[in-house]
PDB file of N, CA and C in Angstrom:
ATOM      1  N   MET A   1       0.683  -1.129   0.036  1.00  0.00           N
ATOM      2  CA  MET A   1       0.039   0.196  -0.083  1.00  0.00           C
ATOM      3  C   MET A   1       1.023   1.189   0.060  1.00  0.00           C
ATOM      4  N   LYS A   2       0.447   2.295  -0.577  1.00  0.00           N
ATOM      5  CA  LYS A   2       0.943   3.544  -0.455  1.00  0.00           C
ATOM      6  C   LYS A   2       0.553   4.670  -0.160  1.00  0.00           C
ATOM      7  N   HIS A   3       1.142   5.343   0.954  1.00  0.00           N
ATOM      8  CA  HIS A   3       1.003   5.988   1.896  1.00  0.00           C
ATOM      9  C   HIS A   3       1.253   7.893   1.339  1.00  0.00           C
ATOM     10  N   LYS A   4       0.606   8.790   1.664  1.00  0.00           N
ATOM     11  CA  LYS A   4       1.203   9.957   1.400  1.00  0.00           C
ATOM     12  C   LYS A   4       1.037  10.864   3.025  1.00  0.00           C
ATOM     13  N   MET A   5       2.318  11.560   2.983  1.00  0.00           N
ATOM     14  CA  MET A   5       2.412  12.212   4.110  1.00  0.00           C
ATOM     15  C   MET A   5       3.195  13.617   3.819  1.00  0.00           C
ATOM     16  N   ASN A   6       2.767  14.777   4.391  1.00  0.00           N
ATOM     17  CA  ASN A   6       3.417  15.951   4.264  1.00  0.00           C
ATOM     18  C   ASN A   6       4.475  16.380   5.505  1.00  0.00           C
ATOM     19  N   LEU A   7       5.703  16.999   4.932  1.00  0.00           N
ATOM     20  CA  LEU A   7       6.554  17.079   5.919  1.00  0.00           C
ATOM     21  C   LEU A   7       6.968  18.942   6.018  1.00  0.00           C
ATOM     22  N   VAL A   8       7.369  19.430   7.046  1.00  0.00           N
ATOM     23  CA  VAL A   8       8.197  20.420   6.852  1.00  0.00           C
ATOM     24  C   VAL A   8       9.623  20.582   6.295  1.00  0.00           C
ATOM     25  N   SER A   9      10.135  21.455   5.629  1.00  0.00           N
ATOM     26  CA  SER A   9      11.252  21.451   5.003  1.00  0.00           C
ATOM     27  C   SER A   9      12.256  20.694   5.501  1.00  0.00           C
ATOM     28  N   SER A  10      12.609  21.236   7.090  1.00  0.00           N
ATOM     29  CA  SER A  10      13.831  20.370   7.642  1.00  0.00           C
ATOM     30  C   SER A  10      13.748  19.174   7.828  1.00  0.00           C
ATOM     31  N   ALA A  11      12.272  18.467   7.992  1.00  0.00           N
ATOM     32  CA  ALA A  11      12.242  16.968   8.079  1.00  0.00           C
ATOM     33  C   ALA A  11      12.306  16.657   6.891  1.00  0.00           C
ATOM     34  N   PHE A  12      11.925  16.937   5.871  1.00  0.00           N
ATOM     35  CA  PHE A  12      12.300  16.424   4.358  1.00  0.00           C
ATOM     36  C   PHE A  12      13.629  16.605   4.063  1.00  0.00           C
ATOM     37  N   LYS A  13      14.354  17.360   4.212  1.00  0.00           N
ATOM     38  CA  LYS A  13      15.576  17.417   3.965  1.00  0.00           C
ATOM     39  C   LYS A  13      16.653  16.344   4.711  1.00  0.00           C
ATOM     40  N   SER A  14      16.131  16.167   5.739  1.00  0.00           N
ATOM     41  CA  SER A  14      16.793  15.301   6.672  1.00  0.00           C
ATOM     42  C   SER A  14      16.848  13.773   6.381  1.00  0.00           C
ATOM     43  N   ILE A  15      15.432  13.639   5.828  1.00  0.00           N
ATOM     44  CA  ILE A  15      15.204  12.353   5.385  1.00  0.00           C
ATOM     45  C   ILE A  15      15.875  11.956   3.884  1.00  0.00           C
ATOM     46  N   ASN A  16      15.719  13.000   3.110  1.00  0.00           N
ATOM     47  CA  ASN A  16      16.342  12.872   1.753  1.00  0.00           C
ATOM     48  C   ASN A  16      17.869  12.990   1.729  1.00  0.00           C
ATOM     49  N   SER A  17      18.516  13.403   2.922  1.00  0.00           N
ATOM     50  CA  SER A  17      19.929  13.440   3.144  1.00  0.00           C
ATOM     51  C   SER A  17      20.446  11.861   3.760  1.00  0.00           C
ATOM     52  N   GLY A  18      19.328  11.371   4.303  1.00  0.00           N
ATOM     53  CA  GLY A  18      19.795   9.863   4.973  1.00  0.00           C
ATOM     54  C   GLY A  18      20.161   9.756   6.333  1.00  0.00           C
ATOM     55  N   GLU A  19      19.898  11.154   7.129  1.00  0.00           N
ATOM     56  CA  GLU A  19      20.077  11.082   8.244  1.00  0.00           C
ATOM     57  C   GLU A  19      18.735  10.973   9.356  1.00  0.00           C
ATOM     58  N   LYS A  20      17.698  11.245   9.011  1.00  0.00           N
ATOM     59  CA  LYS A  20      16.802  11.139   9.576  1.00  0.00           C
ATOM     60  C   LYS A  20      15.788   9.567   9.001  1.00  0.00           C
ATOM     61  N   THR A  21      15.766   8.770   9.948  1.00  0.00           N
ATOM     62  CA  THR A  21      15.253   7.478   9.375  1.00  0.00           C
ATOM     63  C   THR A  21      13.879   6.994  10.074  1.00  0.00           C
ATOM     64  N   VAL A  22      13.705   7.731  11.014  1.00  0.00           N
ATOM     65  CA  VAL A  22      12.395   7.520  11.778  1.00  0.00           C
ATOM     66  C   VAL A  22      11.450   8.770  11.492  1.00  0.00           C
ATOM     67  N   GLU A  23      10.447   8.379  11.098  1.00  0.00           N
ATOM     68  CA  GLU A  23       9.157   9.583  10.933  1.00  0.00           C
ATOM     69  C   GLU A  23       8.217   9.281  12.372  1.00  0.00           C
ATOM     70  N   MET A  24       8.018  10.171  12.965  1.00  0.00           N
ATOM     71  CA  MET A  24       7.219  10.312  14.338  1.00  0.00           C
ATOM     72  C   MET A  24       5.741  10.900  13.899  1.00  0.00           C
ATOM     73  N   ARG A  25       4.568   9.806  14.182  1.00  0.00           N
ATOM     74  CA  ARG A  25       3.358  10.452  14.118  1.00  0.00           C
ATOM     75  C   ARG A  25       2.751   9.812  15.031  1.00  0.00           C
ATOM     76  N   LEU A  26       1.316  10.284  15.287  1.00  0.00           N
ATOM     77  CA  LEU A  26       0.160  10.291  15.913  1.00  0.00           C
ATOM     78  C   LEU A  26      -0.295   8.897  15.558  1.00  0.00           C
ATOM     79  N   ASN A  27      -0.512   7.908  16.517  1.00  0.00           N
ATOM     80  CA  ASN A  27      -1.276   6.351  15.630  1.00  0.00           C
ATOM     81  C   ASN A  27      -2.439   6.379  15.634  1.00  0.00           C
ATOM     82  N   ASP A  28      -2.991   7.533  14.833  1.00  0.00           N
ATOM     83  CA  ASP A  28      -4.210   7.267  14.715  1.00  0.00           C
ATOM     84  C   ASP A  28      -5.000   6.535  13.529  1.00  0.00           C
ATOM     85  N   GLU A  29      -6.135   6.840  13.429  1.00  0.00           N
ATOM     86  CA  GLU A  29      -6.922   5.762  12.114  1.00  0.00           C
ATOM     87  C   GLU A  29      -5.723   5.562  10.918  1.00  0.00           C
ATOM     88  N   LYS A  30      -5.687   6.777  10.583  1.00  0.00           N
ATOM     89  CA  LYS A  30      -4.775   6.914   9.285  1.00  0.00           C
ATOM     90  C   LYS A  30      -3.618   6.269   9.366  1.00  0.00           C
ATOM     91  N   ARG A  31      -2.633   6.207  10.450  1.00  0.00           N
ATOM     92  CA  ARG A  31      -1.502   5.615  10.353  1.00  0.00           C
ATOM     93  C   ARG A  31      -1.860   4.343  11.189  1.00  0.00           C
ATOM     94  N   ALA A  32      -2.703   3.821  11.525  1.00  0.00           N
ATOM     95  CA  ALA A  32      -2.939   2.320  11.672  1.00  0.00           C
ATOM     96  C   ALA A  32      -2.932   1.462  10.676  1.00  0.00           C
ATOM     97  N   GLU A  33      -3.193   2.090   9.449  1.00  0.00           N
ATOM     98  CA  GLU A  33      -3.193   1.429   7.865  1.00  0.00           C
ATOM     99  C   GLU A  33      -1.852   0.857   7.707  1.00  0.00           C
ATOM    100  N   ILE A  34      -0.936   1.532   8.183  1.00  0.00           N
ATOM    101  CA  ILE A  34       0.397   1.458   7.532  1.00  0.00           C
ATOM    102  C   ILE A  34       0.940   0.149   8.214  1.00  0.00           C
ATOM    103  N   ALA A  35       1.807  -0.477   7.165  1.00  0.00           N
ATOM    104  CA  ALA A  35       2.570  -2.055   7.281  1.00  0.00           C
ATOM    105  C   ALA A  35       3.890  -1.725   6.885  1.00  0.00           C
ATOM    106  N   VAL A  36       4.436  -2.732   7.548  1.00  0.00           N
ATOM    107  CA  VAL A  36       5.794  -3.262   7.129  1.00  0.00           C
ATOM    108  C   VAL A  36       5.816  -3.553   5.764  1.00  0.00           C
ATOM    109  N   GLY A  37       6.676  -2.751   4.713  1.00  0.00           N
ATOM    110  CA  GLY A  37       6.948  -3.265   3.624  1.00  0.00           C
ATOM    111  C   GLY A  37       6.138  -2.054   2.677  1.00  0.00           C
ATOM    112  N   ASP A  38       5.201  -1.213   3.076  1.00  0.00           N
ATOM    113  CA  ASP A  38       4.289  -0.439   2.656  1.00  0.00           C
ATOM    114  C   ASP A  38       5.306   1.025   2.067  1.00  0.00           C
ATOM    115  N   GLU A  39       4.743   1.577   1.236  1.00  0.00           N
ATOM    116  CA  GLU A  39       5.586   2.874   0.714  1.00  0.00           C
ATOM    117  C   GLU A  39       4.933   4.287   1.090  1.00  0.00           C
ATOM    118  N   ILE A  40       5.790   5.149   1.608  1.00  0.00           N
ATOM    119  CA  ILE A  40       5.133   6.397   2.060  1.00  0.00           C
ATOM    120  C   ILE A  40       5.908   7.374   0.878  1.00  0.00           C
ATOM    121  N   GLU A  41       4.929   8.030   0.498  1.00  0.00           N
ATOM    122  CA  GLU A  41       5.340   9.522  -0.312  1.00  0.00           C
ATOM    123  C   GLU A  41       5.275  10.680   0.548  1.00  0.00           C
ATOM    124  N   PHE A  42       6.559  11.108   0.643  1.00  0.00           N
ATOM    125  CA  PHE A  42       6.599  12.411   1.681  1.00  0.00           C
ATOM    126  C   PHE A  42       6.654  13.761   0.527  1.00  0.00           C
ATOM    127  N   GLU A  43       5.865  14.527   0.790  1.00  0.00           N
ATOM    128  CA  GLU A  43       5.811  15.926   0.454  1.00  0.00           C
ATOM    129  C   GLU A  43       6.389  16.855   1.230  1.00  0.00           C
ATOM    130  N   ASN A  44       7.125  17.759   0.651  1.00  0.00           N
ATOM    131  CA  ASN A  44       7.720  19.024   1.348  1.00  0.00           C
ATOM    132  C   ASN A  44       6.654  20.144   1.133  1.00  0.00           C
ATOM    133  N   ILE A  45       6.030  20.680   2.296  1.00  0.00           N
ATOM    134  CA  ILE A  45       4.966  21.149   2.241  1.00  0.00           C
ATOM    135  C   ILE A  45       5.264  22.949   1.717  1.00  0.00           C
ATOM    136  N   ASP A  46       6.569  23.353   1.468  1.00  0.00           N
ATOM    137  CA  ASP A  46       7.137  24.300   0.986  1.00  0.00           C
ATOM    138  C   ASP A  46       7.344  24.343  -0.511  1.00  0.00           C
ATOM    139  N   THR A  47       8.009  23.247  -0.624  1.00  0.00           N
ATOM    140  CA  THR A  47       8.305  23.056  -2.105  1.00  0.00           C
ATOM    141  C   THR A  47       7.636  22.193  -3.078  1.00  0.00           C
ATOM    142  N   HIS A  48       7.013  21.335  -2.520  1.00  0.00           N
ATOM    143  CA  HIS A  48       6.068  20.352  -3.112  1.00  0.00           C
ATOM    144  C   HIS A  48       6.951  19.315  -3.560  1.00  0.00           C
ATOM    145  N   GLN A  49       8.378  19.353  -3.355  1.00  0.00           N
ATOM    146  CA  GLN A  49       9.030  18.466  -3.692  1.00  0.00           C
ATOM    147  C   GLN A  49       8.771  17.087  -3.233  1.00  0.00           C
ATOM    148  N   LYS A  50       8.993  15.902  -3.679  1.00  0.00           N
ATOM    149  CA  LYS A  50       8.349  14.477  -3.054  1.00  0.00           C
ATOM    150  C   LYS A  50       9.746  13.441  -3.310  1.00  0.00           C
ATOM    151  N   LEU A  51       9.591  12.589  -2.349  1.00  0.00           N
ATOM    152  CA  LEU A  51      10.495  11.182  -2.096  1.00  0.00           C
ATOM    153  C   LEU A  51       9.544  10.232  -1.421  1.00  0.00           C
ATOM    154  N   ASN A  52      10.286   9.002  -2.017  1.00  0.00           N
ATOM    155  CA  ASN A  52       9.532   8.028  -1.472  1.00  0.00           C
ATOM    156  C   ASN A  52      10.138   6.716  -0.763  1.00  0.00           C
ATOM    157  N   CYS A  53       9.765   6.385   0.370  1.00  0.00           N
ATOM    158  CA  CYS A  53      10.399   5.650   1.195  1.00  0.00           C
ATOM    159  C   CYS A  53       9.487   4.364   1.506  1.00  0.00           C
ATOM    160  N   THR A  54      10.314   3.395   1.911  1.00  0.00           N
ATOM    161  CA  THR A  54       9.894   1.971   2.327  1.00  0.00           C
ATOM    162  C   THR A  54       9.792   1.759   4.004  1.00  0.00           C
ATOM    163  N   VAL A  55       8.701   1.348   4.323  1.00  0.00           N
ATOM    164  CA  VAL A  55       8.530   1.062   5.887  1.00  0.00           C
ATOM    165  C   VAL A  55       9.305   0.093   6.306  1.00  0.00           C
ATOM    166  N   ILE A  56      10.276   0.019   7.046  1.00  0.00           N
ATOM    167  CA  ILE A  56      11.038  -1.152   7.492  1.00  0.00           C
ATOM    168  C   ILE A  56      10.685  -1.704   9.141  1.00  0.00           C
ATOM    169  N   LYS A  57       9.900  -0.666   9.711  1.00  0.00           N
ATOM    170  CA  LYS A  57       9.606  -1.149  11.104  1.00  0.00           C
ATOM    171  C   LYS A  57       8.617  -0.211  11.628  1.00  0.00           C
ATOM    172  N   LEU A  58       7.730  -0.547  12.239  1.00  0.00           N
ATOM    173  CA  LEU A  58       6.843   0.047  13.082  1.00  0.00           C
ATOM    174  C   LEU A  58       6.908  -0.197  14.290  1.00  0.00           C
ATOM    175  N   THR A  59       6.911   0.748  15.443  1.00  0.00           N
ATOM    176  CA  THR A  59       6.904   0.635  16.834  1.00  0.00           C
ATOM    177  C   THR A  59       5.660   1.705  17.501  1.00  0.00           C
ATOM    178  N   ARG A  60       5.162   0.944  18.223  1.00  0.00           N
ATOM    179  CA  ARG A  60       4.006   1.909  19.064  1.00  0.00           C
ATOM    180  C   ARG A  60       4.468   2.059  20.431  1.00  0.00           C
ATOM    181  N   TYR A  61       4.278   3.522  20.751  1.00  0.00           N
ATOM    182  CA  TYR A  61       4.457   4.069  22.139  1.00  0.00           C
ATOM    183  C   TYR A  61       3.533   4.612  22.394  1.00  0.00           C
ATOM    184  N   LYS A  62       3.499   4.759  24.229  1.00  0.00           N
ATOM    185  CA  LYS A  62       2.394   5.619  24.669  1.00  0.00           C
ATOM    186  C   LYS A  62       2.220   6.941  24.422  1.00  0.00           C
ATOM    187  N   ASP A  63       3.562   7.541  24.286  1.00  0.00           N
ATOM    188  CA  ASP A  63       3.723   9.092  24.163  1.00  0.00           C
ATOM    189  C   ASP A  63       5.217   9.411  23.571  1.00  0.00           C
ATOM    190  N   PHE A  64       5.206  10.688  22.975  1.00  0.00           N
ATOM    191  CA  PHE A  64       6.502  10.882  22.764  1.00  0.00           C
ATOM    192  C   PHE A  64       7.950  11.052  23.297  1.00  0.00           C
ATOM    193  N   PHE A  65       7.575  11.008  24.835  1.00  0.00           N
ATOM    194  CA  PHE A  65       8.690  10.703  25.529  1.00  0.00           C
ATOM    195  C   PHE A  65       9.154   9.359  25.630  1.00  0.00           C
ATOM    196  N   GLU A  66       8.360   8.561  25.405  1.00  0.00           N
ATOM    197  CA  GLU A  66       8.820   7.256  25.502  1.00  0.00           C
ATOM    198  C   GLU A  66       9.556   6.995  24.142  1.00  0.00           C
ATOM    199  N   LEU A  67       8.817   7.457  23.011  1.00  0.00           N
ATOM    200  CA  LEU A  67       9.294   7.245  21.722  1.00  0.00           C
ATOM    201  C   LEU A  67      10.821   7.939  21.596  1.00  0.00           C
ATOM    202  N   TYR A  68      10.975   9.044  22.319  1.00  0.00           N
ATOM    203  CA  TYR A  68      12.275   9.729  22.321  1.00  0.00           C
ATOM    204  C   TYR A  68      13.513   8.862  23.352  1.00  0.00           C
ATOM    205  N   SER A  69      13.161   8.257  23.997  1.00  0.00           N
ATOM    206  CA  SER A  69      13.819   7.668  24.868  1.00  0.00           C
ATOM    207  C   SER A  69      14.646   6.371  24.337  1.00  0.00           C
ATOM    208  N   ASN A  70      13.880   5.996  23.051  1.00  0.00           N
ATOM    209  CA  ASN A  70      14.299   4.794  22.610  1.00  0.00           C
ATOM    210  C   ASN A  70      15.318   5.070  20.910  1.00  0.00           C
ATOM    211  N   PHE A  71      15.476   6.179  20.837  1.00  0.00           N
ATOM    212  CA  PHE A  71      16.095   6.479  19.520  1.00  0.00           C
ATOM    213  C   PHE A  71      17.096   7.525  19.709  1.00  0.00           C
ATOM    214  N   ASN A  72      18.218   7.441  18.806  1.00  0.00           N
ATOM    215  CA  ASN A  72      19.209   8.527  18.576  1.00  0.00           C
ATOM    216  C   ASN A  72      18.550   9.752  18.009  1.00  0.00           C
ATOM    217  N   LYS A  73      19.048  11.023  18.475  1.00  0.00           N
ATOM    218  CA  LYS A  73      18.088  12.180  18.164  1.00  0.00           C
ATOM    219  C   LYS A  73      18.485  12.191  16.766  1.00  0.00           C
ATOM    220  N   ILE A  74      19.416  11.846  15.982  1.00  0.00           N
ATOM    221  CA  ILE A  74      19.650  12.312  14.687  1.00  0.00           C
ATOM    222  C   ILE A  74      18.792  11.499  13.904  1.00  0.00           C
ATOM    223  N   LYS A  75      18.638  10.365  14.242  1.00  0.00           N
ATOM    224  CA  LYS A  75      17.550   9.287  13.538  1.00  0.00           C
ATOM    225  C   LYS A  75      16.199  10.016  13.556  1.00  0.00           C
ATOM    226  N   ILE A  76      15.661  10.508  14.774  1.00  0.00           N
ATOM    227  CA  ILE A  76      14.289  11.377  14.505  1.00  0.00           C
ATOM    228  C   ILE A  76      14.442  12.970  14.184  1.00  0.00           C
ATOM    229  N   GLY A  77      15.480  13.360  13.393  1.00  0.00           N
ATOM    230  CA  GLY A  77      15.396  14.470  13.005  1.00  0.00           C
ATOM    231  C   GLY A  77      16.404  15.832  13.554  1.00  0.00           C
ATOM    232  N   TYR A  78      16.711  15.205  14.602  1.00  0.00           N
ATOM    233  CA  TYR A  78      17.358  16.640  15.357  1.00  0.00           C
ATOM    234  C   TYR A  78      18.990  16.518  14.675  1.00  0.00           C
ATOM    235  N   LYS A  79      19.509  17.926  14.843  1.00  0.00           N
ATOM    236  CA  LYS A  79      20.927  17.662  14.572  1.00  0.00           C
ATOM    237  C   LYS A  79      21.686  17.633  15.635  1.00  0.00           C
ATOM    238  N   GLU A  80      23.190  17.465  15.510  1.00  0.00           N
ATOM    239  CA  GLU A  80      24.041  17.169  16.680  1.00  0.00           C
ATOM    240  C   GLU A  80      23.979  18.275  17.595  1.00  0.00           C
ATOM    241  N   ASN A  81      24.008  19.418  17.244  1.00  0.00           N
ATOM    242  CA  ASN A  81      24.051  20.564  18.184  1.00  0.00           C
ATOM    243  C   ASN A  81      22.387  20.871  18.703  1.00  0.00           C
ATOM    244  N   GLU A  82      21.562  20.164  18.534  1.00  0.00           N
ATOM    245  CA  GLU A  82      20.322  20.616  18.667  1.00  0.00           C
ATOM    246  C   GLU A  82      19.973  19.678  20.051  1.00  0.00           C
ATOM    247  N   ALA A  83      18.982  19.914  21.156  1.00  0.00           N
ATOM    248  CA  ALA A  83      18.690  19.398  22.200  1.00  0.00           C
ATOM    249  C   ALA A  83      17.391  18.643  21.624  1.00  0.00           C
ATOM    250  N   ALA A  84      17.058  17.540  21.955  1.00  0.00           N
ATOM    251  CA  ALA A  84      15.783  16.572  21.602  1.00  0.00           C
ATOM    252  C   ALA A  84      14.978  16.500  22.849  1.00  0.00           C
ATOM    253  N   ASN A  85      13.805  16.819  22.439  1.00  0.00           N
ATOM    254  CA  ASN A  85      12.775  17.279  23.251  1.00  0.00           C
ATOM    255  C   ASN A  85      11.142  16.785  23.131  1.00  0.00           C
ATOM    256  N   ALA A  86      10.498  16.032  23.498  1.00  0.00           N
ATOM    257  CA  ALA A  86       9.740  15.596  22.990  1.00  0.00           C
ATOM    258  C   ALA A  86       8.375  16.410  23.320  1.00  0.00           C
ATOM    259  N   GLU A  87       8.540  17.552  24.054  1.00  0.00           N
ATOM    260  CA  GLU A  87       7.564  18.430  24.144  1.00  0.00           C
ATOM    261  C   GLU A  87       7.531  19.212  22.643  1.00  0.00           C
ATOM    262  N   ASP A  88       8.625  19.219  21.860  1.00  0.00           N
ATOM    263  CA  ASP A  88       8.450  19.811  20.663  1.00  0.00           C
ATOM    264  C   ASP A  88       7.191  19.425  19.792  1.00  0.00           C
ATOM    265  N   MET A  89       6.936  18.057  20.150  1.00  0.00           N
ATOM    266  CA  MET A  89       5.787  17.390  19.076  1.00  0.00           C
ATOM    267  C   MET A  89       4.475  17.912  19.325  1.00  0.00           C
ATOM    268  N   TYR A  90       4.445  18.706  20.538  1.00  0.00           N
ATOM    269  CA  TYR A  90       2.964  19.434  20.866  1.00  0.00           C
ATOM    270  C   TYR A  90       2.813  20.492  19.558  1.00  0.00           C
ATOM    271  N   ALA A  91       3.773  21.046  18.974  1.00  0.00           N
ATOM    272  CA  ALA A  91       3.547  21.758  17.988  1.00  0.00           C
ATOM    273  C   ALA A  91       2.528  21.133  17.056  1.00  0.00           C
ATOM    274  N   TYR A  92       2.549  19.866  16.918  1.00  0.00           N
ATOM    275  CA  TYR A  92       1.651  19.129  15.841  1.00  0.00           C
ATOM    276  C   TYR A  92       0.372  18.366  16.421  1.00  0.00           C
ATOM    277  N   TYR A  93       0.810  17.995  17.755  1.00  0.00           N
ATOM    278  CA  TYR A  93      -0.406  17.215  18.427  1.00  0.00           C
ATOM    279  C   TYR A  93      -0.650  17.516  19.887  1.00  0.00           C
ATOM    280  N   SER A  94      -1.618  17.670  20.060  1.00  0.00           N
ATOM    281  CA  SER A  94      -2.192  17.998  21.420  1.00  0.00           C
ATOM    282  C   SER A  94      -2.072  16.958  22.673  1.00  0.00           C
ATOM    283  N   LYS A  95      -1.939  17.277  23.756  1.00  0.00           N
ATOM    284  CA  LYS A  95      -1.589  16.109  24.653  1.00  0.00           C
ATOM    285  C   LYS A  95      -3.013  15.361  24.644  1.00  0.00           C
ATOM    286  N   GLU A  96      -4.072  15.739  24.518  1.00  0.00           N
ATOM    287  CA  GLU A  96      -5.191  14.797  24.389  1.00  0.00           C
ATOM    288  C   GLU A  96      -5.345  13.777  23.124  1.00  0.00           C
ATOM    289  N   GLN A  97      -4.866  14.349  22.000  1.00  0.00           N
ATOM    290  CA  GLN A  97      -4.623  13.570  21.093  1.00  0.00           C
ATOM    291  C   GLN A  97      -3.502  12.376  21.354  1.00  0.00           C
ATOM    292  N   ILE A  98      -2.679  12.479  21.809  1.00  0.00           N
ATOM    293  CA  ILE A  98      -1.407  11.700  22.129  1.00  0.00           C
ATOM    294  C   ILE A  98      -2.001  10.842  22.864  1.00  0.00           C
ATOM    295  N   GLU A  99      -2.657  11.067  24.501  1.00  0.00           N
ATOM    296  CA  GLU A  99      -3.252  10.223  25.231  1.00  0.00           C
ATOM    297  C   GLU A  99      -4.130   9.184  24.876  1.00  0.00           C
ATOM    298  N   LYS A 100      -5.038   9.800  23.739  1.00  0.00           N
ATOM    299  CA  LYS A 100      -6.109   9.075  23.167  1.00  0.00           C
ATOM    300  C   LYS A 100      -5.793   8.019  22.231  1.00  0.00           C
ATOM    301  N   TYR A 101      -4.574   7.993  21.311  1.00  0.00           N
ATOM    302  CA  TYR A 101      -3.997   7.551  20.207  1.00  0.00           C
ATOM    303  C   TYR A 101      -2.506   6.928  20.211  1.00  0.00           C
ATOM    304  N   GLY A 102      -1.666   7.348  21.145  1.00  0.00           N
ATOM    305  CA  GLY A 102      -0.456   7.125  21.305  1.00  0.00           C
ATOM    306  C   GLY A 102       0.165   7.304  20.086  1.00  0.00           C
ATOM    307  N   VAL A 103       1.541   6.962  20.229  1.00  0.00           N
ATOM    308  CA  VAL A 103       2.134   7.673  18.936  1.00  0.00           C
ATOM    309  C   VAL A 103       2.762   6.392  18.034  1.00  0.00           C
ATOM    310  N   LEU A 104       3.672   6.741  16.806  1.00  0.00           N
ATOM    311  CA  LEU A 104       4.136   5.515  16.345  1.00  0.00           C
ATOM    312  C   LEU A 104       5.332   6.059  15.401  1.00  0.00           C
ATOM    313  N   ALA A 105       6.556   5.179  15.863  1.00  0.00           N
ATOM    314  CA  ALA A 105       7.839   5.352  15.295  1.00  0.00           C
ATOM    315  C   ALA A 105       8.001   4.655  13.973  1.00  0.00           C
ATOM    316  N   ILE A 106       8.078   5.333  12.795  1.00  0.00           N
ATOM    317  CA  ILE A 106       8.050   4.605  11.446  1.00  0.00           C
ATOM    318  C   ILE A 106       9.144   4.678  10.824  1.00  0.00           C
ATOM    319  N   GLU A 107       9.895   3.331  11.183  1.00  0.00           N
ATOM    320  CA  GLU A 107      11.459   3.478  10.503  1.00  0.00           C
ATOM    321  C   GLU A 107      11.173   3.171   9.210  1.00  0.00           C
ATOM    322  N   ILE A 108      11.969   4.034   8.366  1.00  0.00           N
ATOM    323  CA  ILE A 108      12.034   4.160   6.866  1.00  0.00           C
ATOM    324  C   ILE A 108      13.215   4.109   6.112  1.00  0.00           C
ATOM    325  N   LYS A 109      13.128   3.437   5.013  1.00  0.00           N
ATOM    326  CA  LYS A 109      14.538   3.360   4.157  1.00  0.00           C
ATOM    327  C   LYS A 109      14.205   4.297   2.669  1.00  0.00           C
ATOM    328  N   LEU A 110      14.791   5.217   2.507  1.00  0.00           N
ATOM    329  CA  LEU A 110      14.745   5.891   1.400  1.00  0.00           C
ATOM    330  C   LEU A 110      15.011   5.031  -0.193  1.00  0.00           C
ATOM    331  N   ILE A 111      13.879   5.042  -1.007  1.00  0.00           N
ATOM    332  CA  ILE A 111      13.926   4.402  -2.355  1.00  0.00           C
ATOM    333  C   ILE A 111      14.890   4.952  -3.180  1.00  0.00           C
TER     334      ILE A 111
END
C-alpha cells in the first residue's frame, strides 16, 4: 500500500540526506493502516518536492517521551547541536490526541 504524508522542509531535507530514518506520527486511524513493506510518499509542504520511502519497522509507544528515549536524536530528525525534546511534538499534536491514540515510530528507508 502507498501512503502520502506532508513534511516541513527541515524534516524533508533530513530524510532526503539519509540522516532522519524515523518519522514520528500520532497513531491515529490513518497511521494504523501502515504496515511494514508499505511505501510512503513524503511531500515538502513548502517546495512540493516529493520523495519515496519504504517502511522497514513500526513501533508503537504511549507518548513521544517514551519514543524519544528509544532513539538517537539524529534518527528522529534533530541535528547534533540541537537538544531533542519530546515536548516539541506539541506543535503538531495536543496532549489529548497523544493520550487517545498513542504515537508511532515509522522506521523508513529511502527508495
